[in-house]
Amino acid sequence: MAISMENERIVLCGANAYEQKYYFNERFAGIPESVKEELRIICILFTQEVGGVFTIVFENDGSVSLETDAEEEDVLYDEISSGLLVGEIRRNRQEMLESLSLYYRVFILHEQLDCSDMEV
């Protein structure tokens, strides 16, 4: 069965405070172990701090999205802190997120990149 990548968003990893579980999509097993561990720590610490569900998702264009959500009846979920923490992760982990995007574009989307796509 062929999978259409046109409108597909793919979860890379995520953590769920309600079930106290972490998920990593094994489709991305080629990502270095050190990066996988960093992703695990980011996801788990996020849900421990603000609750809810936190996911890191590849958009169909290869960009990386950080998403957080909570159950409607969760009065302990801190929406303001979650937004601030997402911004902090984006600032502090910008290089890693850009590398993940590049990985996805090259190894999943099979884009041909030229030197102008790479920063030195």
C-alpha atoms as a PDB file:
ATOM      1  CA  MET A   1       0.000   0.000   0.000  1.00  0.00           C
ATOM      2  CA  ALA A   2       1.459   3.337  -1.043  1.00  0.00           C
ATOM      3  CA  ILE A   3       1.225   6.137   1.488  1.00  0.00           C
ATOM      4  CA  SER A   4       0.408   9.594   0.192  1.00  0.00           C
ATOM      5  CA  MET A   5       2.712  12.171   1.749  1.00  0.00           C
ATOM      6  CA  GLU A   6       0.628  15.054   0.367  1.00  0.00           C
ATOM      7  CA  ASN A   7      -1.342  15.956   3.488  1.00  0.00           C
ATOM      8  CA  GLU A   8       0.296  13.634   5.951  1.00  0.00           C
ATOM      9  CA  ARG A   9       1.703  14.867   9.233  1.00  0.00           C
ATOM     10  CA  ILE A  10       3.816  12.331  11.058  1.00  0.00           C
ATOM     11  CA  VAL A  11       4.369  12.245  14.795  1.00  0.00           C
ATOM     12  CA  LEU A  12       8.052  11.909  15.637  1.00  0.00           C
ATOM     13  CA  CYS A  13       7.589  11.541  19.380  1.00  0.00           C
ATOM     14  CA  GLY A  14       5.456  12.594  22.268  1.00  0.00           C
ATOM     15  CA  ALA A  15       4.600  12.204  25.920  1.00  0.00           C
ATOM     16  CA  ASN A  16       1.262  11.863  27.656  1.00  0.00           C
ATOM     17  CA  ALA A  17       0.930  13.021  31.276  1.00  0.00           C
ATOM     18  CA  TYR A  18      -2.392  11.200  31.700  1.00  0.00           C
ATOM     19  CA  GLU A  19      -1.017   7.774  30.812  1.00  0.00           C
ATOM     20  CA  GLN A  20       2.553   8.596  31.876  1.00  0.00           C
ATOM     21  CA  LYS A  21       3.875   7.241  28.598  1.00  0.00           C
ATOM     22  CA  TYR A  22       6.461   8.291  26.037  1.00  0.00           C
ATOM     23  CA  TYR A  23       6.216   7.397  22.354  1.00  0.00           C
ATOM     24  CA  PHE A  24       8.909   7.436  19.670  1.00  0.00           C
ATOM     25  CA  ASN A  25       8.021   6.631  16.061  1.00  0.00           C
ATOM     26  CA  GLU A  26      10.355   3.790  15.026  1.00  0.00           C
ATOM     27  CA  ARG A  27      10.072   4.960  11.428  1.00  0.00           C
ATOM     28  CA  PHE A  28      12.804   7.407  12.495  1.00  0.00           C
ATOM     29  CA  ALA A  29      15.119   4.822  14.057  1.00  0.00           C
ATOM     30  CA  GLY A  30      17.996   6.287  12.008  1.00  0.00           C
ATOM     31  CA  ILE A  31      18.083   9.411  14.134  1.00  0.00           C
ATOM     32  CA  PRO A  32      21.196   9.325  16.362  1.00  0.00           C
ATOM     33  CA  GLU A  33      20.674   7.913  19.869  1.00  0.00           C
ATOM     34  CA  SER A  34      21.817  11.149  21.510  1.00  0.00           C
ATOM     35  CA  VAL A  35      19.087  13.083  19.675  1.00  0.00           C
ATOM     36  CA  LYS A  36      16.486  10.429  20.526  1.00  0.00           C
ATOM     37  CA  GLU A  37      17.425  10.752  24.192  1.00  0.00           C
ATOM     38  CA  GLU A  38      17.221  14.546  24.036  1.00  0.00           C
ATOM     39  CA  LEU A  39      13.761  14.296  22.441  1.00  0.00           C
ATOM     40  CA  ARG A  40      12.641  11.891  25.172  1.00  0.00           C
ATOM     41  CA  ILE A  41      13.841  14.249  27.901  1.00  0.00           C
ATOM     42  CA  ILE A  42      12.159  17.280  26.274  1.00  0.00           C
ATOM     43  CA  CYS A  43       8.820  15.503  25.922  1.00  0.00           C
ATOM     44  CA  ILE A  44       8.758  13.987  29.402  1.00  0.00           C
ATOM     45  CA  LEU A  45       9.903  17.158  31.173  1.00  0.00           C
ATOM     46  CA  PHE A  46       7.306  19.170  29.272  1.00  0.00           C
ATOM     47  CA  THR A  47       4.418  16.981  30.417  1.00  0.00           C
ATOM     48  CA  GLN A  48       5.766  16.830  33.967  1.00  0.00           C
ATOM     49  CA  GLU A  49       5.887  20.620  34.119  1.00  0.00           C
ATOM     50  CA  VAL A  50       2.575  21.599  32.479  1.00  0.00           C
ATOM     51  CA  GLY A  51       0.665  18.333  32.059  1.00  0.00           C
ATOM     52  CA  GLY A  52      -1.380  17.295  29.067  1.00  0.00           C
ATOM     53  CA  VAL A  53       0.011  15.760  25.912  1.00  0.00           C
ATOM     54  CA  PHE A  54       3.078  17.059  24.075  1.00  0.00           C
ATOM     55  CA  THR A  55       4.072  15.936  20.576  1.00  0.00           C
ATOM     56  CA  ILE A  56       6.766  16.785  18.076  1.00  0.00           C
ATOM     57  CA  VAL A  57       5.389  16.431  14.557  1.00  0.00           C
ATOM     58  CA  PHE A  58       6.827  16.569  11.057  1.00  0.00           C
ATOM     59  CA  GLU A  59       4.638  18.612   8.717  1.00  0.00           C
ATOM     60  CA  ASN A  60       4.255  17.418   5.136  1.00  0.00           C
ATOM     61  CA  ASP A  61       6.796  20.052   3.978  1.00  0.00           C
ATOM     62  CA  GLY A  62       9.415  18.759   6.440  1.00  0.00           C
ATOM     63  CA  SER A  63       9.047  21.503   9.029  1.00  0.00           C
ATOM     64  CA  VAL A  64       8.833  20.538  12.688  1.00  0.00           C
ATOM     65  CA  SER A  65       5.877  21.493  14.889  1.00  0.00           C
ATOM     66  CA  LEU A  66       5.694  21.371  18.673  1.00  0.00           C
ATOM     67  CA  GLU A  67       2.154  20.712  19.836  1.00  0.00           C
ATOM     68  CA  THR A  68       0.501  20.562  23.208  1.00  0.00           C
ATOM     69  CA  ASP A  69      -3.015  19.642  24.153  1.00  0.00           C
ATOM     70  CA  ALA A  70      -5.018  18.769  27.225  1.00  0.00           C
ATOM     71  CA  GLU A  71      -8.233  17.037  28.073  1.00  0.00           C
ATOM     72  CA  GLU A  72     -11.081  19.528  28.436  1.00  0.00           C
ATOM     73  CA  GLU A  73     -11.721  18.659  32.084  1.00  0.00           C
ATOM     74  CA  ASP A  74      -8.042  18.947  33.069  1.00  0.00           C
ATOM     75  CA  VAL A  75      -8.055  21.907  35.469  1.00  0.00           C
ATOM     76  CA  LEU A  76      -4.367  21.403  36.324  1.00  0.00           C
ATOM     77  CA  TYR A  77      -3.144  21.926  32.734  1.00  0.00           C
ATOM     78  CA  ASP A  78      -1.421  25.291  32.470  1.00  0.00           C
ATOM     79  CA  GLU A  79      -2.069  26.690  29.001  1.00  0.00           C
ATOM     80  CA  ILE A  80      -0.001  29.845  29.543  1.00  0.00           C
ATOM     81  CA  SER A  81       3.020  27.906  30.807  1.00  0.00           C
ATOM     82  CA  SER A  82       2.679  25.436  27.945  1.00  0.00           C
ATOM     83  CA  GLY A  83       2.887  28.241  25.381  1.00  0.00           C
ATOM     84  CA  LEU A  84       5.886  29.766  27.124  1.00  0.00           C
ATOM     85  CA  LEU A  85       7.627  26.398  27.348  1.00  0.00           C
ATOM     86  CA  VAL A  86       7.040  25.659  23.644  1.00  0.00           C
ATOM     87  CA  GLY A  87       8.671  29.018  22.841  1.00  0.00           C
ATOM     88  CA  GLU A  88      11.591  28.234  25.128  1.00  0.00           C
ATOM     89  CA  ILE A  89      12.120  24.818  23.508  1.00  0.00           C
ATOM     90  CA  ARG A  90      12.022  26.415  20.043  1.00  0.00           C
ATOM     91  CA  ARG A  91      14.677  28.979  21.073  1.00  0.00           C
ATOM     92  CA  ASN A  92      16.954  26.634  23.032  1.00  0.00           C
ATOM     93  CA  ARG A  93      16.719  23.692  20.636  1.00  0.00           C
ATOM     94  CA  GLN A  94      16.514  25.566  17.337  1.00  0.00           C
ATOM     95  CA  GLU A  95      19.590  23.873  15.879  1.00  0.00           C
ATOM     96  CA  MET A  96      18.309  20.391  16.753  1.00  0.00           C
ATOM     97  CA  LEU A  97      14.854  21.156  15.304  1.00  0.00           C
ATOM     98  CA  GLU A  98      16.427  22.448  12.080  1.00  0.00           C
ATOM     99  CA  SER A  99      18.560  19.287  11.876  1.00  0.00           C
ATOM    100  CA  LEU A 100      15.468  17.119  12.352  1.00  0.00           C
ATOM    101  CA  SER A 101      13.744  19.005   9.550  1.00  0.00           C
ATOM    102  CA  LEU A 102      16.748  18.463   7.279  1.00  0.00           C
ATOM    103  CA  TYR A 103      16.819  14.753   8.211  1.00  0.00           C
ATOM    104  CA  TYR A 104      13.141  14.404   7.331  1.00  0.00           C
ATOM    105  CA  ARG A 105      13.497  16.247   4.025  1.00  0.00           C
ATOM    106  CA  VAL A 106      16.486  14.148   2.933  1.00  0.00           C
ATOM    107  CA  PHE A 107      15.661  10.665   4.259  1.00  0.00           C
ATOM    108  CA  ILE A 108      11.849  10.643   4.185  1.00  0.00           C
ATOM    109  CA  LEU A 109      10.867  13.094   1.454  1.00  0.00           C
ATOM    110  CA  HIS A 110      14.013  12.261  -0.584  1.00  0.00           C
ATOM    111  CA  GLU A 111      14.587  15.887  -1.499  1.00  0.00           C
ATOM    112  CA  GLN A 112      17.753  16.754  -3.334  1.00  0.00           C
ATOM    113  CA  LEU A 113      19.376  19.552  -1.385  1.00  0.00           C
ATOM    114  CA  ASP A 114      21.967  21.878  -2.778  1.00  0.00           C
ATOM    115  CA  CYS A 115      24.631  23.697  -0.790  1.00  0.00           C
ATOM    116  CA  SER A 116      22.457  26.800  -0.425  1.00  0.00           C
ATOM    117  CA  ASP A 117      20.120  24.759   1.832  1.00  0.00           C
ATOM    118  CA  MET A 118      22.897  24.136   4.322  1.00  0.00           C
ATOM    119  CA  GLU A 119      24.267  26.531   6.895  1.00  0.00           C
ATOM    120  CA  VAL A 120      27.957  26.570   7.623  1.00  0.00           C
END
